[in-house]
């Protein structure tokens, strides 16, 4: 529309009415508007577009603010224990991330809980036991092998063995069906056709 103002006028007609006239921002009639006014209006439109996109970019950047957690550790061993624990414990919201990598609010609360328990003087094992008691074995990235986690540890292996057995039995049935279909008479007939 901007490149062909006369075509725009021909399309709209002399009296602009209806659906298109509501969205007509500028009158592109060259007879009524000087080239200077046209260029000024285009500059105003471009500056409005730039402002609009800047505001949009600022609004989109607002939720991306990162939170940084800082904890004051009594000694270096406490800091090392904290780092080990947040690496070994799983975020229950994200499920495939540990507490150190997750930004979920529950993970932030769990990291704070780990810090508080370490500050109270609990050992790593006591904190892990507390978390398992509170959230279950799923909170650990490497849960212990026991009756309740047997399927978790060996389920994928069992699944692949069963799937492999099914595929092998299916392939054997296919071979048997192919072998039964071709008998000696058909082979002799095929050889006679090839010899001719």
Protein backbone atom coordinates (compact mmCIF):
# COMPACT_ATOMS: atom_id res chain seq x y z
CA UNK A 1 0.00 0.00 0.00
CA UNK A 2 2.83 2.41 0.78
CA UNK A 3 4.57 1.83 -2.51
CA UNK A 4 1.49 2.38 -4.69
CA UNK A 5 -0.66 5.19 -3.21
CA UNK A 6 -2.78 5.56 -6.36
CA UNK A 7 -3.60 1.87 -6.39
CA UNK A 8 -4.66 2.22 -2.75
CA UNK A 9 -7.00 5.08 -3.65
CA UNK A 10 -8.43 3.13 -6.58
CA UNK A 11 -9.03 0.15 -4.31
CA UNK A 12 -10.73 2.15 -1.55
CA UNK A 13 -12.53 4.59 -3.83
CA UNK A 14 -13.22 8.27 -3.37
CA UNK A 15 -15.53 7.86 -0.39
CA UNK A 16 -13.88 5.49 2.07
CA UNK A 17 -16.48 3.58 3.99
CA UNK A 18 -16.89 0.12 5.39
CA UNK A 19 -14.40 -2.27 6.90
CA UNK A 20 -11.23 -0.89 5.30
CA UNK A 21 -11.90 2.74 6.18
CA UNK A 22 -11.76 1.95 9.91
CA UNK A 23 -8.19 0.74 9.56
CA UNK A 24 -7.01 3.52 7.26
CA UNK A 25 -4.33 5.36 9.24
CA UNK A 26 -3.13 7.85 6.64
CA UNK A 27 -4.68 9.38 3.58
CA UNK A 28 -2.34 8.38 0.77
CA UNK A 29 -4.04 10.52 -1.83
CA UNK A 30 -1.09 12.21 -3.56
CA UNK A 31 -3.25 15.12 -4.78
CA UNK A 32 -4.10 16.20 -1.21
CA UNK A 33 -0.84 15.44 0.52
CA UNK A 34 2.56 16.80 -0.26
CA UNK A 35 5.61 14.58 -0.43
CA UNK A 36 6.98 16.26 2.70
CA UNK A 37 3.87 15.44 4.73
CA UNK A 38 3.98 11.87 3.45
CA UNK A 39 7.61 11.41 4.50
CA UNK A 40 6.93 12.95 7.93
CA UNK A 41 4.01 10.64 8.50
CA UNK A 42 6.14 7.64 7.51
CA UNK A 43 8.86 8.74 9.94
CA UNK A 44 6.25 9.02 12.70
CA UNK A 45 4.96 5.55 11.88
CA UNK A 46 8.49 4.08 11.94
CA UNK A 47 9.29 5.75 15.26
CA UNK A 48 6.02 4.42 16.72
CA UNK A 49 6.96 0.92 15.54
CA UNK A 50 10.39 1.21 17.13
CA UNK A 51 8.90 2.40 20.43
CA UNK A 52 6.33 -0.39 20.33
CA UNK A 53 8.99 -3.08 19.82
CA UNK A 54 11.21 -1.61 22.55
CA UNK A 55 8.34 -1.66 25.03
CA UNK A 56 7.48 -5.21 23.95
CA UNK A 57 11.09 -6.33 24.39
CA UNK A 58 11.24 -4.80 27.87
CA UNK A 59 8.00 -6.50 28.88
CA UNK A 60 9.25 -9.86 27.64
CA UNK A 61 12.53 -9.49 29.53
CA UNK A 62 10.86 -8.88 32.90
CA UNK A 63 10.04 -12.54 33.72
CA UNK A 64 13.60 -13.56 32.87
CA UNK A 65 15.04 -12.07 36.02
CA UNK A 66 17.26 -14.62 37.73
CA UNK A 67 17.41 -15.20 41.46
CA UNK A 68 20.75 -15.72 43.10
CA UNK A 69 20.98 -17.50 46.40
CA UNK A 70 23.80 -16.71 48.71
CA UNK A 71 24.44 -18.63 51.90
CA UNK A 72 27.01 -17.93 54.58
CA UNK A 73 28.64 -21.23 55.50
CA UNK A 74 30.41 -21.73 58.80
CA UNK A 75 33.26 -23.64 57.17
CA UNK A 76 34.38 -25.08 53.87
CA UNK A 77 33.24 -28.61 54.76
CA UNK A 78 29.68 -27.36 55.27
CA UNK A 79 29.79 -25.67 51.85
CA UNK A 80 31.09 -28.87 50.21
CA UNK A 81 28.35 -30.92 51.91
CA UNK A 82 25.75 -28.44 50.69
CA UNK A 83 27.03 -28.64 47.11
CA UNK A 84 27.06 -32.45 47.19
CA UNK A 85 23.52 -32.61 48.60
CA UNK A 86 21.97 -30.21 46.09
CA UNK A 87 23.62 -32.23 43.31
CA UNK A 88 22.33 -35.57 44.65
CA UNK A 89 18.77 -34.52 45.48
CA UNK A 90 16.19 -34.30 42.70
CA UNK A 91 13.79 -31.44 42.08
CA UNK A 92 10.31 -32.89 42.47
CA UNK A 93 8.80 -30.38 40.03
CA UNK A 94 11.35 -30.65 37.21
CA UNK A 95 12.06 -34.36 37.83
CA UNK A 96 15.03 -34.48 35.45
CA UNK A 97 17.02 -31.81 37.24
CA UNK A 98 18.76 -31.77 40.55
CA UNK A 99 18.20 -29.06 43.12
CA UNK A 100 21.28 -27.15 41.99
CA UNK A 101 20.06 -26.82 38.40
CA UNK A 102 16.37 -26.17 39.03
CA UNK A 103 14.80 -22.73 39.36
CA UNK A 104 11.42 -24.00 40.57
CA UNK A 105 10.13 -22.51 43.81
CA UNK A 106 10.00 -25.94 45.45
CA UNK A 107 13.67 -26.47 44.57
CA UNK A 108 14.53 -23.11 46.12
CA UNK A 109 12.66 -24.10 49.27
CA UNK A 110 14.42 -27.47 49.35
CA UNK A 111 17.86 -25.83 48.92
CA UNK A 112 17.04 -23.49 51.82
CA UNK A 113 15.93 -26.48 53.90
CA UNK A 114 19.21 -28.28 53.15
CA UNK A 115 21.14 -25.16 54.21
CA UNK A 116 19.15 -24.84 57.45
CA UNK A 117 19.63 -28.51 58.31
CA UNK A 118 23.38 -28.20 57.69
CA UNK A 119 23.44 -25.08 59.88
CA UNK A 120 21.70 -27.04 62.63
CA UNK A 121 24.58 -29.53 62.55
CA UNK A 122 22.94 -32.49 60.79
CA UNK A 123 25.15 -34.75 58.69
CA UNK A 124 24.64 -35.44 54.99
CA UNK A 125 23.12 -38.86 55.72
CA UNK A 126 20.71 -37.40 58.26
CA UNK A 127 19.58 -34.75 55.79
CA UNK A 128 19.11 -37.36 53.03
CA UNK A 129 17.10 -39.52 55.46
CA UNK A 130 14.95 -36.51 56.37
CA UNK A 131 14.31 -35.70 52.70
CA UNK A 132 13.48 -39.31 51.87
CA UNK A 133 11.12 -39.50 54.84
CA UNK A 134 9.43 -36.28 53.75
CA UNK A 135 9.38 -36.74 49.94
CA UNK A 136 10.02 -40.44 49.34
CA UNK A 137 12.82 -42.29 47.54
CA UNK A 138 12.10 -40.37 44.35
CA UNK A 139 13.87 -37.32 45.80
CA UNK A 140 17.21 -39.09 45.36
CA UNK A 141 18.86 -39.34 41.96
CA UNK A 142 20.29 -42.74 42.94
CA UNK A 143 17.68 -44.34 45.19
CA UNK A 144 18.76 -47.47 47.09
CA UNK A 145 17.95 -50.91 45.68
CA UNK A 146 15.14 -52.34 47.79
CA UNK A 147 11.72 -53.92 47.26
CA UNK A 148 9.93 -50.65 46.65
CA UNK A 149 12.53 -49.47 44.10
CA UNK A 150 13.15 -52.82 42.39
CA UNK A 151 11.00 -51.91 39.39
CA UNK A 152 12.69 -48.53 39.15
CA UNK A 153 16.14 -50.12 38.93
CA UNK A 154 15.40 -53.22 36.87
CA UNK A 155 12.18 -52.24 35.06
CA UNK A 156 13.90 -50.89 31.93
CA UNK A 157 16.09 -53.99 31.68
CA UNK A 158 13.08 -56.28 32.07
CA UNK A 159 11.18 -54.26 29.46
CA UNK A 160 14.01 -54.55 26.90
CA UNK A 161 14.43 -58.29 27.50
CA UNK A 162 10.69 -58.91 27.05
CA UNK A 163 10.60 -56.68 23.95
CA UNK A 164 13.62 -58.51 22.49
CA UNK A 165 11.96 -61.89 23.08
CA UNK A 166 8.78 -60.70 21.36
CA UNK A 167 10.73 -59.43 18.35
CA UNK A 168 12.73 -62.69 18.09
CA UNK A 169 9.59 -64.85 18.25
CA UNK A 170 7.92 -62.68 15.61
CA UNK A 171 10.94 -62.97 13.31
CA UNK A 172 11.07 -66.77 13.73
CA UNK A 173 7.39 -67.04 12.83
CA UNK A 174 8.01 -64.97 9.72
CA UNK A 175 10.88 -67.28 8.65
CA UNK A 176 8.77 -70.41 9.18
CA UNK A 177 5.92 -68.98 7.13
CA UNK A 178 8.29 -68.12 4.27
CA UNK A 179 9.89 -71.59 4.33
CA UNK A 180 6.50 -73.39 4.29
CA UNK A 181 5.20 -71.39 1.32
CA UNK A 182 7.96 -72.60 -1.09
CA UNK A 183 7.92 -76.38 -1.66
CA UNK A 184 9.86 -78.66 -4.06
CA UNK A 185 7.37 -78.48 -6.93
CA UNK A 186 7.49 -74.71 -6.95
CA UNK A 187 11.28 -74.77 -6.89
CA UNK A 188 11.39 -77.18 -9.88
CA UNK A 189 8.94 -74.97 -11.76
CA UNK A 190 11.07 -71.90 -11.04
CA UNK A 191 14.23 -73.69 -12.23
CA UNK A 192 12.51 -74.81 -15.42
CA UNK A 193 11.40 -71.24 -16.14
CA UNK A 194 14.92 -69.95 -15.56
CA UNK A 195 16.49 -72.62 -17.79
CA UNK A 196 14.22 -71.71 -20.73
